[in-house]
């Protein structure tokens, strides 16, 4: 029995004891379910991980955000990108409700949604979400390497769509904007 299987076994025992001791609405249960979900995910038992993540859901927006991210990741690992994307979109809705809005987190979620669309070969929507992430990252003066990578990903999408002029335009745009980073010694 490996460490994750032991963790799952002990987690299930702890859950049984807690169910015998605490009322069903006790705040210990969402934490216990979340821990078990993490163990199942690490053990590549994604269906069980999703089931326990759902059981750990509570009214906290931050907790819902985290759980939907975890569920989206599990569906992505199962290569169910359409369902993964739907959960990332729920995260995006929550992010937009949280004040003050964390633009870095929004950018990250848009990138994850773009990756789901990329996996489904829906390049127009991939470009849309990468562009949204790019606009957000530019506003917060994020790491220039991340911005360069987004330009490259957008260019790659245009390449996949066989829109080579737009692909080249994005790559040239990226190189021109960040030429000092690449050519500072010239």
N, C-alpha and C. Protein backbone atom coordinates (compact mmCIF):
# COMPACT_ATOMS: atom_id res chain seq x y z
N UNK A 1 0.86 -1.18 0.00
CA UNK A 1 0.00 0.00 0.00
C UNK A 1 0.90 1.24 0.00
N UNK A 2 0.69 2.16 -0.96
CA UNK A 2 1.54 3.34 -1.02
C UNK A 2 1.02 4.44 -0.09
N UNK A 3 1.76 5.54 -0.02
CA UNK A 3 1.43 6.62 0.92
C UNK A 3 0.05 7.21 0.68
N UNK A 4 -0.33 7.40 -0.59
CA UNK A 4 -1.65 7.98 -0.87
C UNK A 4 -2.76 7.04 -0.48
N UNK A 5 -2.57 5.75 -0.71
CA UNK A 5 -3.59 4.79 -0.30
C UNK A 5 -3.72 4.77 1.22
N UNK A 6 -2.59 4.87 1.92
CA UNK A 6 -2.65 4.97 3.38
C UNK A 6 -3.35 6.25 3.81
N UNK A 7 -3.04 7.34 3.15
CA UNK A 7 -3.67 8.62 3.49
C UNK A 7 -5.18 8.53 3.27
N UNK A 8 -5.59 7.90 2.17
CA UNK A 8 -7.02 7.75 1.89
C UNK A 8 -7.67 6.89 2.97
N UNK A 9 -7.02 5.80 3.31
CA UNK A 9 -7.55 4.89 4.33
C UNK A 9 -7.73 5.63 5.66
N UNK A 10 -6.69 6.35 6.10
CA UNK A 10 -6.78 7.09 7.36
C UNK A 10 -7.78 8.24 7.26
N UNK A 11 -7.85 8.87 6.11
CA UNK A 11 -8.83 9.94 5.92
C UNK A 11 -10.26 9.42 6.01
N UNK A 12 -10.51 8.26 5.42
CA UNK A 12 -11.85 7.65 5.50
C UNK A 12 -12.19 7.25 6.93
N UNK A 13 -11.19 6.75 7.66
CA UNK A 13 -11.42 6.41 9.08
C UNK A 13 -11.75 7.66 9.88
N UNK A 14 -10.99 8.73 9.63
CA UNK A 14 -11.24 10.00 10.34
C UNK A 14 -12.64 10.51 10.02
N UNK A 15 -13.05 10.39 8.77
CA UNK A 15 -14.38 10.82 8.36
C UNK A 15 -15.45 10.01 9.11
N UNK A 16 -15.27 8.72 9.22
CA UNK A 16 -16.24 7.87 9.93
C UNK A 16 -16.36 8.27 11.39
N UNK A 17 -15.24 8.54 12.02
CA UNK A 17 -15.25 8.95 13.42
C UNK A 17 -15.93 10.30 13.57
N UNK A 18 -15.61 11.23 12.69
CA UNK A 18 -16.21 12.57 12.76
C UNK A 18 -17.72 12.50 12.53
N UNK A 19 -18.16 11.62 11.63
CA UNK A 19 -19.60 11.48 11.39
C UNK A 19 -20.32 10.95 12.63
N UNK A 20 -19.62 10.11 13.39
CA UNK A 20 -20.21 9.56 14.61
C UNK A 20 -20.27 10.60 15.73
N UNK A 21 -19.35 11.57 15.70
CA UNK A 21 -19.22 12.53 16.79
C UNK A 21 -19.92 13.87 16.52
N UNK A 22 -19.83 14.36 15.29
CA UNK A 22 -20.30 15.71 14.98
C UNK A 22 -21.61 15.69 14.19
N UNK A 23 -22.38 16.77 14.31
CA UNK A 23 -23.58 16.88 13.47
C UNK A 23 -23.19 17.07 12.00
N UNK A 24 -24.10 16.75 11.08
CA UNK A 24 -23.81 16.79 9.65
C UNK A 24 -23.36 18.16 9.15
N UNK A 25 -23.80 19.23 9.79
CA UNK A 25 -23.46 20.58 9.32
C UNK A 25 -22.23 21.17 10.01
N UNK A 26 -21.45 20.35 10.68
CA UNK A 26 -20.26 20.84 11.38
C UNK A 26 -19.20 21.28 10.37
N UNK A 27 -18.49 22.38 10.65
CA UNK A 27 -17.50 22.90 9.70
C UNK A 27 -16.28 22.00 9.47
N UNK A 28 -16.14 20.95 10.24
CA UNK A 28 -15.01 20.03 10.04
C UNK A 28 -15.19 19.21 8.75
N UNK A 29 -16.44 19.00 8.33
CA UNK A 29 -16.68 18.13 7.19
C UNK A 29 -16.16 18.68 5.86
N UNK A 30 -16.40 19.94 5.52
CA UNK A 30 -15.81 20.43 4.26
C UNK A 30 -14.29 20.27 4.22
N UNK A 31 -13.64 20.50 5.33
CA UNK A 31 -12.17 20.34 5.37
C UNK A 31 -11.77 18.88 5.18
N UNK A 32 -12.50 17.99 5.85
CA UNK A 32 -12.20 16.56 5.73
C UNK A 32 -12.43 16.07 4.30
N UNK A 33 -13.56 16.49 3.70
CA UNK A 33 -13.83 16.09 2.31
C UNK A 33 -12.77 16.64 1.36
N UNK A 34 -12.35 17.87 1.60
CA UNK A 34 -11.33 18.48 0.74
C UNK A 34 -10.00 17.74 0.86
N UNK A 35 -9.62 17.36 2.07
CA UNK A 35 -8.38 16.59 2.25
C UNK A 35 -8.47 15.25 1.53
N UNK A 36 -9.59 14.58 1.66
CA UNK A 36 -9.77 13.30 0.96
C UNK A 36 -9.72 13.49 -0.55
N UNK A 37 -10.35 14.55 -1.03
CA UNK A 37 -10.32 14.84 -2.47
C UNK A 37 -8.88 15.04 -2.94
N UNK A 38 -8.10 15.77 -2.16
CA UNK A 38 -6.69 15.97 -2.52
C UNK A 38 -5.94 14.64 -2.61
N UNK A 39 -6.20 13.75 -1.64
CA UNK A 39 -5.54 12.44 -1.65
C UNK A 39 -5.96 11.63 -2.89
N UNK A 40 -7.25 11.65 -3.20
CA UNK A 40 -7.72 10.93 -4.39
C UNK A 40 -7.11 11.52 -5.66
N UNK A 41 -7.03 12.83 -5.72
CA UNK A 41 -6.43 13.45 -6.91
C UNK A 41 -4.97 13.04 -7.06
N UNK A 42 -4.22 13.09 -5.96
CA UNK A 42 -2.81 12.70 -6.01
C UNK A 42 -2.65 11.22 -6.38
N UNK A 43 -3.65 10.43 -6.09
CA UNK A 43 -3.63 9.00 -6.41
C UNK A 43 -4.24 8.72 -7.79
N UNK A 44 -4.50 9.80 -8.55
CA UNK A 44 -5.04 9.71 -9.91
C UNK A 44 -6.43 9.09 -9.97
N UNK A 45 -7.17 9.19 -8.89
CA UNK A 45 -8.56 8.73 -8.84
C UNK A 45 -9.44 9.98 -8.97
N UNK A 46 -9.48 10.50 -10.19
CA UNK A 46 -10.07 11.82 -10.41
C UNK A 46 -11.57 11.85 -10.20
N UNK A 47 -12.28 10.78 -10.54
CA UNK A 47 -13.72 10.77 -10.31
C UNK A 47 -14.05 10.89 -8.82
N UNK A 48 -13.31 10.16 -8.00
CA UNK A 48 -13.52 10.25 -6.54
C UNK A 48 -13.08 11.61 -6.01
N UNK A 49 -12.01 12.13 -6.58
CA UNK A 49 -11.55 13.47 -6.16
C UNK A 49 -12.65 14.49 -6.43
N UNK A 50 -13.23 14.44 -7.61
CA UNK A 50 -14.30 15.39 -7.96
C UNK A 50 -15.48 15.21 -7.02
N UNK A 51 -15.85 13.98 -6.74
CA UNK A 51 -16.97 13.71 -5.83
C UNK A 51 -16.72 14.35 -4.46
N UNK A 52 -15.52 14.18 -3.93
CA UNK A 52 -15.23 14.73 -2.60
C UNK A 52 -15.02 16.24 -2.63
N UNK A 53 -14.48 16.76 -3.74
CA UNK A 53 -14.41 18.23 -3.84
C UNK A 53 -15.81 18.81 -3.80
N UNK A 54 -16.76 18.18 -4.50
CA UNK A 54 -18.14 18.68 -4.50
C UNK A 54 -18.74 18.62 -3.09
N UNK A 55 -18.43 17.57 -2.35
CA UNK A 55 -18.93 17.46 -0.98
C UNK A 55 -18.34 18.53 -0.07
N UNK A 56 -17.16 19.03 -0.41
CA UNK A 56 -16.49 20.02 0.45
C UNK A 56 -16.97 21.45 0.19
N UNK A 57 -17.86 21.62 -0.78
CA UNK A 57 -18.35 22.96 -1.15
C UNK A 57 -19.09 23.60 0.02
N UNK A 58 -18.81 24.90 0.24
CA UNK A 58 -19.57 25.66 1.22
C UNK A 58 -19.90 27.03 0.65
N UNK A 59 -20.39 27.94 1.47
CA UNK A 59 -20.87 29.24 0.98
C UNK A 59 -19.77 30.26 0.73
N UNK A 60 -18.58 30.01 1.18
CA UNK A 60 -17.48 30.96 1.00
C UNK A 60 -17.08 31.06 -0.47
N UNK A 61 -17.06 32.28 -1.01
CA UNK A 61 -16.66 32.46 -2.41
C UNK A 61 -15.23 31.99 -2.65
N UNK A 62 -14.36 32.29 -1.71
CA UNK A 62 -12.96 31.88 -1.87
C UNK A 62 -12.83 30.35 -1.89
N UNK A 63 -13.62 29.68 -1.03
CA UNK A 63 -13.59 28.22 -0.99
C UNK A 63 -14.17 27.64 -2.29
N UNK A 64 -15.29 28.23 -2.78
CA UNK A 64 -15.87 27.77 -4.04
C UNK A 64 -14.88 27.94 -5.17
N UNK A 65 -14.19 29.08 -5.17
CA UNK A 65 -13.18 29.35 -6.20
C UNK A 65 -12.14 28.24 -6.21
N UNK A 66 -11.61 27.92 -5.03
CA UNK A 66 -10.58 26.90 -4.92
C UNK A 66 -11.10 25.53 -5.37
N UNK A 67 -12.33 25.20 -4.95
CA UNK A 67 -12.89 23.89 -5.29
C UNK A 67 -13.12 23.78 -6.80
N UNK A 68 -13.67 24.83 -7.41
CA UNK A 68 -13.89 24.78 -8.86
C UNK A 68 -12.57 24.69 -9.62
N UNK A 69 -11.53 25.34 -9.11
CA UNK A 69 -10.21 25.20 -9.74
C UNK A 69 -9.74 23.75 -9.67
N UNK A 70 -9.90 23.14 -8.50
CA UNK A 70 -9.48 21.75 -8.33
C UNK A 70 -10.27 20.81 -9.24
N UNK A 71 -11.58 21.03 -9.31
CA UNK A 71 -12.43 20.18 -10.16
C UNK A 71 -12.04 20.37 -11.63
N UNK A 72 -11.83 21.61 -12.03
CA UNK A 72 -11.43 21.89 -13.41
C UNK A 72 -10.11 21.18 -13.74
N UNK A 73 -9.18 21.22 -12.79
CA UNK A 73 -7.89 20.55 -13.01
C UNK A 73 -8.09 19.04 -13.18
N UNK A 74 -8.96 18.44 -12.35
CA UNK A 74 -9.22 16.99 -12.45
C UNK A 74 -9.81 16.64 -13.81
N UNK A 75 -10.80 17.42 -14.25
CA UNK A 75 -11.39 17.15 -15.57
C UNK A 75 -10.35 17.33 -16.67
N UNK A 76 -9.48 18.31 -16.52
CA UNK A 76 -8.41 18.50 -17.50
C UNK A 76 -7.47 17.30 -17.54
N UNK A 77 -7.14 16.77 -16.38
CA UNK A 77 -6.28 15.59 -16.32
C UNK A 77 -6.95 14.35 -16.92
N UNK A 78 -8.29 14.35 -16.90
CA UNK A 78 -9.04 13.25 -17.52
C UNK A 78 -9.30 13.54 -19.00
N UNK A 79 -8.76 14.66 -19.48
CA UNK A 79 -8.90 15.09 -20.88
C UNK A 79 -10.34 15.40 -21.27
N UNK A 80 -11.13 15.80 -20.29
CA UNK A 80 -12.50 16.25 -20.54
C UNK A 80 -12.48 17.78 -20.51
N UNK A 81 -11.93 18.34 -21.57
CA UNK A 81 -11.63 19.77 -21.58
C UNK A 81 -12.87 20.66 -21.60
N UNK A 82 -13.95 20.18 -22.19
CA UNK A 82 -15.16 20.99 -22.21
C UNK A 82 -15.72 21.17 -20.79
N UNK A 83 -15.71 20.11 -20.00
CA UNK A 83 -16.19 20.19 -18.61
C UNK A 83 -15.19 20.97 -17.76
N UNK A 84 -13.92 20.76 -18.01
CA UNK A 84 -12.89 21.51 -17.31
C UNK A 84 -13.10 23.01 -17.53
N UNK A 85 -13.31 23.38 -18.78
CA UNK A 85 -13.51 24.79 -19.13
C UNK A 85 -14.72 25.37 -18.40
N UNK A 86 -15.80 24.61 -18.32
CA UNK A 86 -17.01 25.10 -17.63
C UNK A 86 -16.71 25.43 -16.17
N UNK A 87 -15.88 24.62 -15.54
CA UNK A 87 -15.53 24.89 -14.15
C UNK A 87 -14.58 26.09 -14.04
N UNK A 88 -13.66 26.23 -14.99
CA UNK A 88 -12.83 27.43 -15.00
C UNK A 88 -13.69 28.68 -15.20
N UNK A 89 -14.74 28.56 -16.01
CA UNK A 89 -15.63 29.71 -16.21
C UNK A 89 -16.38 30.06 -14.92
N UNK A 90 -16.70 29.05 -14.10
CA UNK A 90 -17.31 29.32 -12.79
C UNK A 90 -16.31 30.07 -11.91
N UNK A 91 -15.05 29.69 -11.99
CA UNK A 91 -14.01 30.40 -11.23
C UNK A 91 -13.95 31.85 -11.68
N UNK A 92 -14.01 32.05 -12.98
CA UNK A 92 -13.98 33.40 -13.54
C UNK A 92 -15.15 34.23 -13.01
N UNK A 93 -16.34 33.65 -12.97
CA UNK A 93 -17.51 34.36 -12.43
C UNK A 93 -17.29 34.74 -10.97
N UNK A 94 -16.71 33.84 -10.20
CA UNK A 94 -16.44 34.13 -8.79
C UNK A 94 -15.39 35.22 -8.67
N UNK A 95 -14.33 35.11 -9.48
CA UNK A 95 -13.27 36.14 -9.45
C UNK A 95 -13.84 37.52 -9.71
N UNK A 96 -14.79 37.61 -10.63
CA UNK A 96 -15.36 38.91 -10.98
C UNK A 96 -16.25 39.45 -9.88
N UNK A 97 -16.74 38.58 -8.98
CA UNK A 97 -17.56 39.01 -7.85
C UNK A 97 -16.72 39.48 -6.67
N UNK A 98 -15.51 38.94 -6.56
CA UNK A 98 -14.66 39.26 -5.41
C UNK A 98 -14.09 40.66 -5.58
N UNK A 99 -14.27 41.48 -4.57
CA UNK A 99 -13.73 42.84 -4.59
C UNK A 99 -12.66 42.93 -3.52
N UNK A 100 -11.53 43.53 -3.75
CA UNK A 100 -11.11 44.03 -5.05
C UNK A 100 -10.71 42.87 -5.96
N UNK A 101 -10.95 43.07 -7.20
CA UNK A 101 -10.69 42.04 -8.20
C UNK A 101 -9.17 41.86 -8.36
N UNK A 102 -8.71 40.64 -8.32
CA UNK A 102 -7.30 40.32 -8.49
C UNK A 102 -7.05 40.04 -9.97
N UNK A 103 -6.51 41.01 -10.68
CA UNK A 103 -6.32 40.88 -12.12
C UNK A 103 -5.35 39.78 -12.49
N UNK A 104 -4.39 39.50 -11.63
CA UNK A 104 -3.45 38.41 -11.91
C UNK A 104 -4.20 37.07 -11.92
N UNK A 105 -5.09 36.87 -10.94
CA UNK A 105 -5.86 35.62 -10.90
C UNK A 105 -6.79 35.53 -12.10
N UNK A 106 -7.39 36.66 -12.49
CA UNK A 106 -8.25 36.67 -13.68
C UNK A 106 -7.45 36.27 -14.91
N UNK A 107 -6.25 36.80 -15.05
CA UNK A 107 -5.40 36.47 -16.19
C UNK A 107 -5.09 34.98 -16.21
N UNK A 108 -4.78 34.43 -15.04
CA UNK A 108 -4.46 33.00 -14.96
C UNK A 108 -5.66 32.14 -15.36
N UNK A 109 -6.86 32.53 -14.94
CA UNK A 109 -8.05 31.76 -15.28
C UNK A 109 -8.32 31.85 -16.79
N UNK A 110 -8.15 33.05 -17.37
CA UNK A 110 -8.33 33.18 -18.82
C UNK A 110 -7.34 32.30 -19.57
N UNK A 111 -6.12 32.19 -19.07
CA UNK A 111 -5.13 31.32 -19.71
C UNK A 111 -5.55 29.86 -19.63
N UNK A 112 -6.11 29.46 -18.50
CA UNK A 112 -6.56 28.07 -18.35
C UNK A 112 -7.75 27.77 -19.26
N UNK A 113 -8.66 28.74 -19.38
CA UNK A 113 -9.80 28.56 -20.29
C UNK A 113 -9.28 28.46 -21.73
N UNK A 114 -8.32 29.32 -22.06
CA UNK A 114 -7.73 29.28 -23.41
C UNK A 114 -7.11 27.91 -23.69
N UNK A 115 -6.44 27.36 -22.70
CA UNK A 115 -5.82 26.05 -22.88
C UNK A 115 -6.87 24.96 -23.13
N UNK A 116 -8.01 25.06 -22.46
CA UNK A 116 -9.10 24.10 -22.71
C UNK A 116 -9.60 24.23 -24.15
N UNK A 117 -9.82 25.47 -24.59
CA UNK A 117 -10.26 25.67 -25.98
C UNK A 117 -9.19 25.17 -26.95
N UNK A 118 -7.92 25.40 -26.63
CA UNK A 118 -6.81 24.93 -27.47
C UNK A 118 -6.89 23.40 -27.62
N UNK A 119 -7.11 22.73 -26.50
CA UNK A 119 -7.18 21.27 -26.52
C UNK A 119 -8.34 20.76 -27.34
N UNK A 120 -9.39 21.58 -27.47
CA UNK A 120 -10.55 21.22 -28.28
C UNK A 120 -10.42 21.75 -29.71
N UNK A 121 -9.29 22.41 -29.99
CA UNK A 121 -9.00 22.98 -31.32
C UNK A 121 -10.01 24.06 -31.72
N UNK A 122 -10.48 24.82 -30.72
CA UNK A 122 -11.38 25.94 -30.96
C UNK A 122 -10.51 27.21 -30.84
N UNK A 123 -9.84 27.53 -31.93
CA UNK A 123 -8.77 28.53 -31.89
C UNK A 123 -9.28 29.96 -31.73
N UNK A 124 -10.44 30.29 -32.27
CA UNK A 124 -10.94 31.67 -32.11
C UNK A 124 -11.16 32.00 -30.64
N UNK A 125 -11.76 31.07 -29.90
CA UNK A 125 -11.99 31.31 -28.48
C UNK A 125 -10.69 31.20 -27.68
N UNK A 126 -9.77 30.38 -28.14
CA UNK A 126 -8.46 30.32 -27.51
C UNK A 126 -7.79 31.69 -27.61
N UNK A 127 -7.82 32.25 -28.80
CA UNK A 127 -7.22 33.57 -29.02
C UNK A 127 -7.89 34.62 -28.15
N UNK A 128 -9.22 34.58 -28.10
CA UNK A 128 -9.97 35.54 -27.30
C UNK A 128 -9.51 35.53 -25.85
N UNK A 129 -9.41 34.35 -25.26
CA UNK A 129 -9.03 34.26 -23.84
C UNK A 129 -7.55 34.57 -23.62
N UNK A 130 -6.70 34.16 -24.55
CA UNK A 130 -5.29 34.55 -24.42
C UNK A 130 -5.15 36.08 -24.53
N UNK A 131 -5.93 36.69 -25.41
CA UNK A 131 -5.88 38.14 -25.56
C UNK A 131 -6.36 38.83 -24.29
N UNK A 132 -7.41 38.29 -23.67
CA UNK A 132 -7.90 38.86 -22.41
C UNK A 132 -6.83 38.74 -21.32
N UNK A 133 -6.17 37.60 -21.27
CA UNK A 133 -5.10 37.40 -20.29
C UNK A 133 -3.95 38.37 -20.58
N UNK A 134 -3.62 38.54 -21.85
CA UNK A 134 -2.55 39.46 -22.24
C UNK A 134 -2.87 40.88 -21.81
N UNK A 135 -4.09 41.33 -22.07
CA UNK A 135 -4.50 42.69 -21.69
C UNK A 135 -4.41 42.89 -20.18
N UNK A 136 -4.83 41.89 -19.43
CA UNK A 136 -4.75 41.99 -17.96
C UNK A 136 -3.31 42.01 -17.49
N UNK A 137 -2.48 41.16 -18.04
CA UNK A 137 -1.07 41.11 -17.62
C UNK A 137 -0.35 42.41 -17.96
N UNK A 138 -0.68 43.01 -19.09
CA UNK A 138 -0.06 44.29 -19.45
C UNK A 138 -0.44 45.37 -18.45
N UNK A 139 -1.68 45.35 -17.96
CA UNK A 139 -2.15 46.37 -17.01
C UNK A 139 -1.43 46.28 -15.68
N UNK A 140 -1.07 45.08 -15.28
CA UNK A 140 -0.46 44.92 -13.96
C UNK A 140 1.07 44.81 -14.04
N UNK A 141 1.59 45.11 -15.20
CA UNK A 141 3.04 45.07 -15.45
C UNK A 141 3.62 43.77 -14.92
N UNK A 142 3.08 42.69 -15.44
CA UNK A 142 3.52 41.37 -15.04
C UNK A 142 4.89 41.06 -15.63
N UNK A 143 5.39 39.94 -15.32
CA UNK A 143 6.65 39.43 -15.84
C UNK A 143 6.61 39.49 -17.37
N UNK A 144 7.61 40.13 -17.95
CA UNK A 144 7.63 40.29 -19.41
C UNK A 144 7.70 38.96 -20.14
N UNK A 145 8.32 37.98 -19.54
CA UNK A 145 8.40 36.66 -20.16
C UNK A 145 6.99 36.09 -20.34
N UNK A 146 6.12 36.27 -19.33
CA UNK A 146 4.74 35.78 -19.43
C UNK A 146 4.00 36.49 -20.56
N UNK A 147 4.24 37.77 -20.72
CA UNK A 147 3.60 38.54 -21.80
C UNK A 147 4.10 38.05 -23.15
N UNK A 148 5.39 37.83 -23.25
CA UNK A 148 5.98 37.31 -24.50
C UNK A 148 5.38 35.95 -24.83
N UNK A 149 5.24 35.10 -23.84
CA UNK A 149 4.67 33.77 -24.08
C UNK A 149 3.23 33.86 -24.58
N UNK A 150 2.47 34.83 -24.06
CA UNK A 150 1.09 34.99 -24.52
C UNK A 150 1.05 35.43 -25.98
N UNK A 151 1.93 36.37 -26.36
CA UNK A 151 2.00 36.76 -27.77
C UNK A 151 2.33 35.53 -28.63
N UNK A 152 3.26 34.73 -28.15
CA UNK A 152 3.66 33.53 -28.91
C UNK A 152 2.50 32.56 -29.03
N UNK A 153 1.75 32.35 -27.94
CA UNK A 153 0.61 31.43 -27.99
C UNK A 153 -0.46 31.92 -28.95
N UNK A 154 -0.72 33.23 -28.94
CA UNK A 154 -1.70 33.79 -29.87
C UNK A 154 -1.22 33.58 -31.31
N UNK A 155 0.06 33.84 -31.54
CA UNK A 155 0.63 33.62 -32.86
C UNK A 155 0.51 32.17 -33.29
N UNK A 156 0.74 31.25 -32.36
CA UNK A 156 0.62 29.83 -32.66
C UNK A 156 -0.81 29.45 -33.02
N UNK A 157 -1.78 30.08 -32.36
CA UNK A 157 -3.20 29.82 -32.70
C UNK A 157 -3.48 30.26 -34.13
N UNK A 158 -2.98 31.44 -34.49
CA UNK A 158 -3.20 31.89 -35.87
C UNK A 158 -2.50 30.96 -36.86
N UNK A 159 -1.35 30.44 -36.47
CA UNK A 159 -0.64 29.48 -37.31
C UNK A 159 -1.50 28.22 -37.50
N UNK A 160 -2.10 27.72 -36.41
CA UNK A 160 -2.96 26.53 -36.49
C UNK A 160 -4.17 26.79 -37.38
N UNK A 161 -4.66 28.04 -37.38
CA UNK A 161 -5.80 28.40 -38.23
C UNK A 161 -5.36 28.66 -39.67
N UNK A 162 -4.07 28.55 -39.89
CA UNK A 162 -3.46 28.83 -41.20
C UNK A 162 -3.66 30.29 -41.62
N UNK A 163 -3.68 31.15 -40.64
CA UNK A 163 -3.71 32.60 -40.88
C UNK A 163 -2.29 33.11 -40.60
N UNK A 164 -1.42 32.82 -41.54
CA UNK A 164 0.00 33.01 -41.33
C UNK A 164 0.39 34.47 -41.17
N UNK A 165 -0.27 35.36 -41.89
CA UNK A 165 0.07 36.78 -41.76
C UNK A 165 -0.20 37.28 -40.35
N UNK A 166 -1.34 36.87 -39.76
CA UNK A 166 -1.64 37.26 -38.38
C UNK A 166 -0.67 36.61 -37.40
N UNK A 167 -0.28 35.38 -37.69
CA UNK A 167 0.69 34.69 -36.83
C UNK A 167 2.01 35.46 -36.83
N UNK A 168 2.46 35.81 -38.00
CA UNK A 168 3.72 36.55 -38.11
C UNK A 168 3.59 37.92 -37.44
N UNK A 169 2.44 38.57 -37.63
CA UNK A 169 2.21 39.89 -37.03
C UNK A 169 2.32 39.82 -35.50
N UNK A 170 1.73 38.80 -34.89
CA UNK A 170 1.80 38.66 -33.43
C UNK A 170 3.23 38.42 -32.96
N UNK A 171 3.95 37.58 -33.69
CA UNK A 171 5.33 37.29 -33.30
C UNK A 171 6.20 38.54 -33.47
N UNK A 172 6.04 39.25 -34.57
CA UNK A 172 6.81 40.48 -34.79
C UNK A 172 6.43 41.52 -33.74
N UNK A 173 5.15 41.63 -33.43
CA UNK A 173 4.69 42.56 -32.41
C UNK A 173 5.36 42.25 -31.07
N UNK A 174 5.41 40.99 -30.72
CA UNK A 174 6.06 40.57 -29.48
C UNK A 174 7.54 40.94 -29.49
N UNK A 175 8.21 40.63 -30.58
CA UNK A 175 9.64 40.92 -30.66
C UNK A 175 9.91 42.43 -30.63
N UNK A 176 9.07 43.20 -31.31
CA UNK A 176 9.28 44.64 -31.35
C UNK A 176 9.06 45.28 -29.98
N UNK A 177 8.00 44.88 -29.29
CA UNK A 177 7.70 45.46 -27.98
C UNK A 177 8.77 45.11 -26.95
N UNK A 178 9.36 43.95 -27.11
CA UNK A 178 10.31 43.50 -26.09
C UNK A 178 11.71 43.31 -26.66
N UNK A 179 12.03 44.10 -27.68
CA UNK A 179 13.32 43.99 -28.34
C UNK A 179 14.48 44.27 -27.39
N UNK A 180 14.29 45.17 -26.45
CA UNK A 180 15.37 45.48 -25.51
C UNK A 180 15.72 44.26 -24.66
N UNK A 181 14.72 43.46 -24.36
CA UNK A 181 14.94 42.25 -23.57
C UNK A 181 15.81 41.26 -24.36
N UNK A 182 15.57 41.21 -25.68
CA UNK A 182 16.29 40.24 -26.51
C UNK A 182 17.58 40.82 -27.09
N UNK A 183 17.56 42.10 -27.42
CA UNK A 183 18.67 42.67 -28.18
C UNK A 183 19.36 43.82 -27.42
N UNK A 184 19.42 43.75 -26.13
CA UNK A 184 19.96 44.84 -25.33
C UNK A 184 21.44 45.09 -25.57
N UNK A 185 22.17 44.16 -26.13
CA UNK A 185 23.60 44.35 -26.35
C UNK A 185 23.92 44.92 -27.72
N UNK A 186 22.93 45.02 -28.59
CA UNK A 186 23.17 45.52 -29.95
C UNK A 186 23.27 47.03 -29.96
